[in-house]
């Protein structure tokens, strides 16, 4: 029984493994086009047997031609190879639109387009407003923190640092380990930036370098004990 594809207007020609036309098969034209576009390199470089199998991949839309009925009724002769109707064919039976109605439709399209543009503009402004509000709140928070920091150091006299020992300057004990000294130094330098507190930063650097060096730290401890206990 001859098999035709239920999707294709025209069935595509099938070929045998030797490249000859195979009259026993009519393959799906849509499927063949999809295969060529999906894997052109494989299709062109493969063997004839591979191309045959590619062409005959299942379309899942096969339908068989109806056999002639044995009754007195004769099957209808279907018109084959008829191209799909174009838009020009439908224009012949389409009612002509009036000029007034066309003008109203154009005005309606313009109004719809204006409404869409206004909605998009409103959404854009709302997004910008939300972004600016977030930026404003962040700036206000940073300003409040900066004012608090300025109040803390407003009455600070850098000359008082000269009277402090290195351990008190870093906020650590006399028996602090190098890791503790390093952490305390980093914490202090985050607050006393050299660009704003040059004197304090310089003293912190001196304290860090002295206490991290074992020999210098021993000399400094002897000096510190001599100053605190002159009689010993």
Protein backbone atom coordinates (compact mmCIF):
# COMPACT_ATOMS: atom_id res chain seq x y z
CA UNK A 1 0.00 0.00 0.00
CA UNK A 2 1.33 3.41 -0.90
CA UNK A 3 2.05 5.63 2.06
CA UNK A 4 1.78 9.43 2.03
CA UNK A 5 2.73 11.90 4.72
CA UNK A 6 -0.20 13.60 6.45
CA UNK A 7 1.72 16.85 6.94
CA UNK A 8 3.35 17.36 3.56
CA UNK A 9 1.61 18.83 0.54
CA UNK A 10 4.03 16.83 -1.61
CA UNK A 11 5.85 13.67 -0.68
CA UNK A 12 9.61 13.70 -1.05
CA UNK A 13 11.45 11.09 -3.10
CA UNK A 14 13.20 8.32 -1.18
CA UNK A 15 16.50 6.80 -2.32
CA UNK A 16 18.05 3.40 -1.93
CA UNK A 17 21.48 2.63 -0.52
CA UNK A 18 22.88 2.86 -4.05
CA UNK A 19 21.49 6.34 -4.66
CA UNK A 20 18.63 5.23 -6.92
CA UNK A 21 15.01 6.30 -6.44
CA UNK A 22 13.06 3.91 -4.24
CA UNK A 23 9.48 3.54 -5.42
CA UNK A 24 8.45 1.68 -2.27
CA UNK A 25 8.84 4.72 -0.02
CA UNK A 26 7.61 8.32 -0.03
CA UNK A 27 9.36 10.18 2.79
CA UNK A 28 8.18 13.25 4.66
CA UNK A 29 9.27 16.44 2.91
CA UNK A 30 9.15 18.46 6.12
CA UNK A 31 11.22 15.86 7.93
CA UNK A 32 13.81 15.80 5.16
CA UNK A 33 14.11 19.59 5.30
CA UNK A 34 14.55 19.50 9.08
CA UNK A 35 17.24 16.83 8.79
CA UNK A 36 19.18 18.82 6.21
CA UNK A 37 19.07 21.99 8.33
CA UNK A 38 19.81 20.26 11.62
CA UNK A 39 22.83 18.22 10.52
CA UNK A 40 24.08 19.40 7.12
CA UNK A 41 27.68 18.33 7.73
CA UNK A 42 26.72 14.81 8.73
CA UNK A 43 24.30 14.55 5.82
CA UNK A 44 26.81 15.67 3.18
CA UNK A 45 29.83 13.73 4.43
CA UNK A 46 28.15 10.46 5.41
CA UNK A 47 27.68 7.42 3.24
CA UNK A 48 24.69 6.64 1.07
CA UNK A 49 23.38 4.15 3.65
CA UNK A 50 23.50 6.78 6.39
CA UNK A 51 21.75 9.30 4.16
CA UNK A 52 19.05 6.74 3.43
CA UNK A 53 18.39 6.22 7.14
CA UNK A 54 18.41 9.96 7.78
CA UNK A 55 15.79 10.45 5.10
CA UNK A 56 13.59 7.66 6.43
CA UNK A 57 13.50 8.84 10.05
CA UNK A 58 10.02 8.38 11.45
CA UNK A 59 7.73 11.33 10.83
CA UNK A 60 4.89 10.01 13.07
CA UNK A 61 2.33 11.50 10.68
CA UNK A 62 2.07 8.76 8.06
CA UNK A 63 -1.36 8.06 6.65
CA UNK A 64 -2.30 5.43 4.11
CA UNK A 65 -4.25 6.13 0.94
CA UNK A 66 -7.82 4.89 1.34
CA UNK A 67 -8.58 1.80 -0.66
CA UNK A 68 -11.52 1.95 -3.11
CA UNK A 69 -14.73 0.88 -1.48
CA UNK A 70 -16.33 -2.33 -2.71
CA UNK A 71 -19.79 -0.75 -2.59
CA UNK A 72 -21.31 1.30 -5.34
CA UNK A 73 -19.84 4.46 -3.84
CA UNK A 74 -16.70 5.60 -5.57
CA UNK A 75 -13.93 7.40 -3.63
CA UNK A 76 -13.43 11.04 -4.37
CA UNK A 77 -10.52 11.93 -6.56
CA UNK A 78 -8.32 14.19 -4.44
CA UNK A 79 -6.54 16.98 -6.23
CA UNK A 80 -2.83 16.44 -5.77
CA UNK A 81 0.01 18.93 -5.94
CA UNK A 82 -2.12 21.99 -5.22
CA UNK A 83 -0.18 24.90 -3.78
CA UNK A 84 -1.58 26.59 -0.65
CA UNK A 85 -3.84 29.56 -1.22
CA UNK A 86 -2.15 32.96 -1.00
CA UNK A 87 -3.41 36.16 0.60
CA UNK A 88 -4.35 37.48 -2.81
CA UNK A 89 -6.94 34.70 -3.17
CA UNK A 90 -8.63 35.74 0.05
CA UNK A 91 -8.70 39.38 -1.00
CA UNK A 92 -11.18 38.46 -3.72
CA UNK A 93 -13.81 37.36 -1.20
CA UNK A 94 -12.92 39.76 1.60
CA UNK A 95 -15.48 42.59 2.06
CA UNK A 96 -14.12 46.01 1.33
CA UNK A 97 -13.61 48.11 4.45
CA UNK A 98 -15.02 51.61 4.48
CA UNK A 99 -12.71 54.61 4.65
CA UNK A 100 -14.31 55.87 7.88
CA UNK A 101 -13.78 52.56 9.65
CA UNK A 102 -10.16 52.41 8.52
CA UNK A 103 -9.54 55.91 9.85
CA UNK A 104 -11.12 55.01 13.19
CA UNK A 105 -8.94 51.91 13.45
CA UNK A 106 -5.80 53.94 12.76
CA UNK A 107 -6.75 56.45 15.46
CA UNK A 108 -7.47 53.61 17.87
CA UNK A 109 -4.05 52.08 17.16
CA UNK A 110 -2.37 55.43 17.82
CA UNK A 111 -4.21 55.81 21.13
CA UNK A 112 -3.23 52.30 22.21
CA UNK A 113 0.39 52.99 21.29
CA UNK A 114 0.35 56.22 23.31
CA UNK A 115 -1.09 54.39 26.33
CA UNK A 116 1.60 51.72 26.11
CA UNK A 117 4.32 54.37 25.89
CA UNK A 118 2.88 56.22 28.89
CA UNK A 119 2.74 53.01 30.93
CA UNK A 120 6.36 52.26 30.06
CA UNK A 121 7.39 55.79 31.01
CA UNK A 122 5.58 55.53 34.36
CA UNK A 123 7.27 52.19 35.12
CA UNK A 124 10.66 53.65 34.21
CA UNK A 125 10.11 56.66 36.48
CA UNK A 126 9.00 54.42 39.33
CA UNK A 127 12.14 52.30 38.96
CA UNK A 128 14.34 55.41 38.94
CA UNK A 129 12.52 56.74 42.00
CA UNK A 130 13.11 53.50 43.92
CA UNK A 131 16.80 53.51 42.97
CA UNK A 132 17.26 57.15 44.01
CA UNK A 133 15.43 56.51 47.29
CA UNK A 134 17.80 53.65 48.11
CA UNK A 135 20.82 55.79 47.23
CA UNK A 136 19.49 58.63 49.40
CA UNK A 137 18.97 56.36 52.40
CA UNK A 138 22.51 54.94 52.04
CA UNK A 139 23.99 58.45 51.80
CA UNK A 140 22.05 59.57 54.87
CA UNK A 141 23.30 56.57 56.83
CA UNK A 142 26.91 57.21 55.79
CA UNK A 143 26.54 60.89 56.71
CA UNK A 144 25.23 59.98 60.16
CA UNK A 145 28.16 57.61 60.74
CA UNK A 146 30.62 60.26 59.56
CA UNK A 147 29.13 62.86 61.92
CA UNK A 148 29.41 60.41 64.81
CA UNK A 149 33.04 59.72 63.96
CA UNK A 150 33.83 63.43 63.76
CA UNK A 151 32.24 63.97 67.18
CA UNK A 152 34.41 61.25 68.64
CA UNK A 153 37.68 62.74 67.37
CA UNK A 154 36.75 66.43 67.55
CA UNK A 155 38.35 67.04 70.93
CA UNK A 156 41.14 64.52 70.48
CA UNK A 157 44.62 65.92 70.96
CA UNK A 158 47.30 63.98 69.02
CA UNK A 159 49.96 65.19 71.45
CA UNK A 160 48.47 62.90 74.08
CA UNK A 161 49.63 59.92 72.07
CA UNK A 162 53.24 60.75 72.86
CA UNK A 163 52.53 59.96 76.50
CA UNK A 164 51.06 56.53 75.71
CA UNK A 165 53.11 53.39 75.37
CA UNK A 166 52.82 51.19 72.29
CA UNK A 167 50.77 48.53 74.06
CA UNK A 168 48.19 51.05 75.27
CA UNK A 169 48.16 52.67 71.83
CA UNK A 170 47.21 49.38 70.18
CA UNK A 171 44.93 48.38 73.05
CA UNK A 172 46.74 45.13 73.92
CA UNK A 173 48.53 43.64 76.91
CA UNK A 174 52.25 43.31 77.56
CA UNK A 175 52.15 39.56 76.90
CA UNK A 176 50.25 39.78 73.60
CA UNK A 177 51.22 37.42 70.80
CA UNK A 178 52.16 38.53 67.25
CA UNK A 179 48.74 37.50 65.89
CA UNK A 180 47.01 39.66 68.49
CA UNK A 181 49.30 42.58 67.69
CA UNK A 182 48.58 42.23 63.98
CA UNK A 183 44.79 42.09 64.50
CA UNK A 184 44.85 45.13 66.78
CA UNK A 185 46.96 47.09 64.29
CA UNK A 186 44.61 46.30 61.40
CA UNK A 187 41.57 47.27 63.47
CA UNK A 188 43.11 50.62 64.41
CA UNK A 189 44.25 51.42 60.87
CA UNK A 190 40.74 50.86 59.52
CA UNK A 191 39.57 53.78 61.65
CA UNK A 192 42.66 56.03 61.64
CA UNK A 193 43.35 56.29 57.93
CA UNK A 194 46.72 57.89 57.08
CA UNK A 195 45.09 60.46 54.80
CA UNK A 196 43.02 61.91 57.65
CA UNK A 197 45.07 61.01 60.74
CA UNK A 198 48.68 61.20 59.63
CA UNK A 199 50.16 61.59 63.14
CA UNK A 200 48.17 58.75 64.69
CA UNK A 201 48.87 56.46 61.73
CA UNK A 202 52.60 57.18 61.97
CA UNK A 203 52.65 56.29 65.70
CA UNK A 204 50.65 53.13 65.04
CA UNK A 205 53.17 52.07 62.39
CA UNK A 206 56.04 52.65 64.81
CA UNK A 207 54.29 50.63 67.51
CA UNK A 208 53.56 47.77 65.12
CA UNK A 209 57.11 47.59 63.74
CA UNK A 210 58.63 47.74 67.23
CA UNK A 211 56.40 45.10 68.82
CA UNK A 212 56.60 42.67 65.88
CA UNK A 213 60.42 42.65 66.04
CA UNK A 214 61.50 40.37 68.91
CA UNK A 215 64.74 42.24 69.66
CA UNK A 216 63.17 45.70 69.47
CA UNK A 217 60.25 44.55 71.61
CA UNK A 218 62.61 43.31 74.35
CA UNK A 219 64.47 46.64 74.41
CA UNK A 220 61.19 48.55 74.51
CA UNK A 221 59.89 46.43 77.42
CA UNK A 222 63.08 47.14 79.41
CA UNK A 223 62.70 50.84 78.73
CA UNK A 224 59.03 50.76 79.67
CA UNK A 225 59.69 48.93 82.95
CA UNK A 226 62.49 51.37 83.81
CA UNK A 227 60.13 54.32 83.27
CA UNK A 228 57.34 52.77 85.33
CA UNK A 229 59.60 51.51 88.14
CA UNK A 230 62.60 53.84 88.34
CA UNK A 231 63.84 52.40 91.66
CA UNK A 232 64.20 48.84 90.40
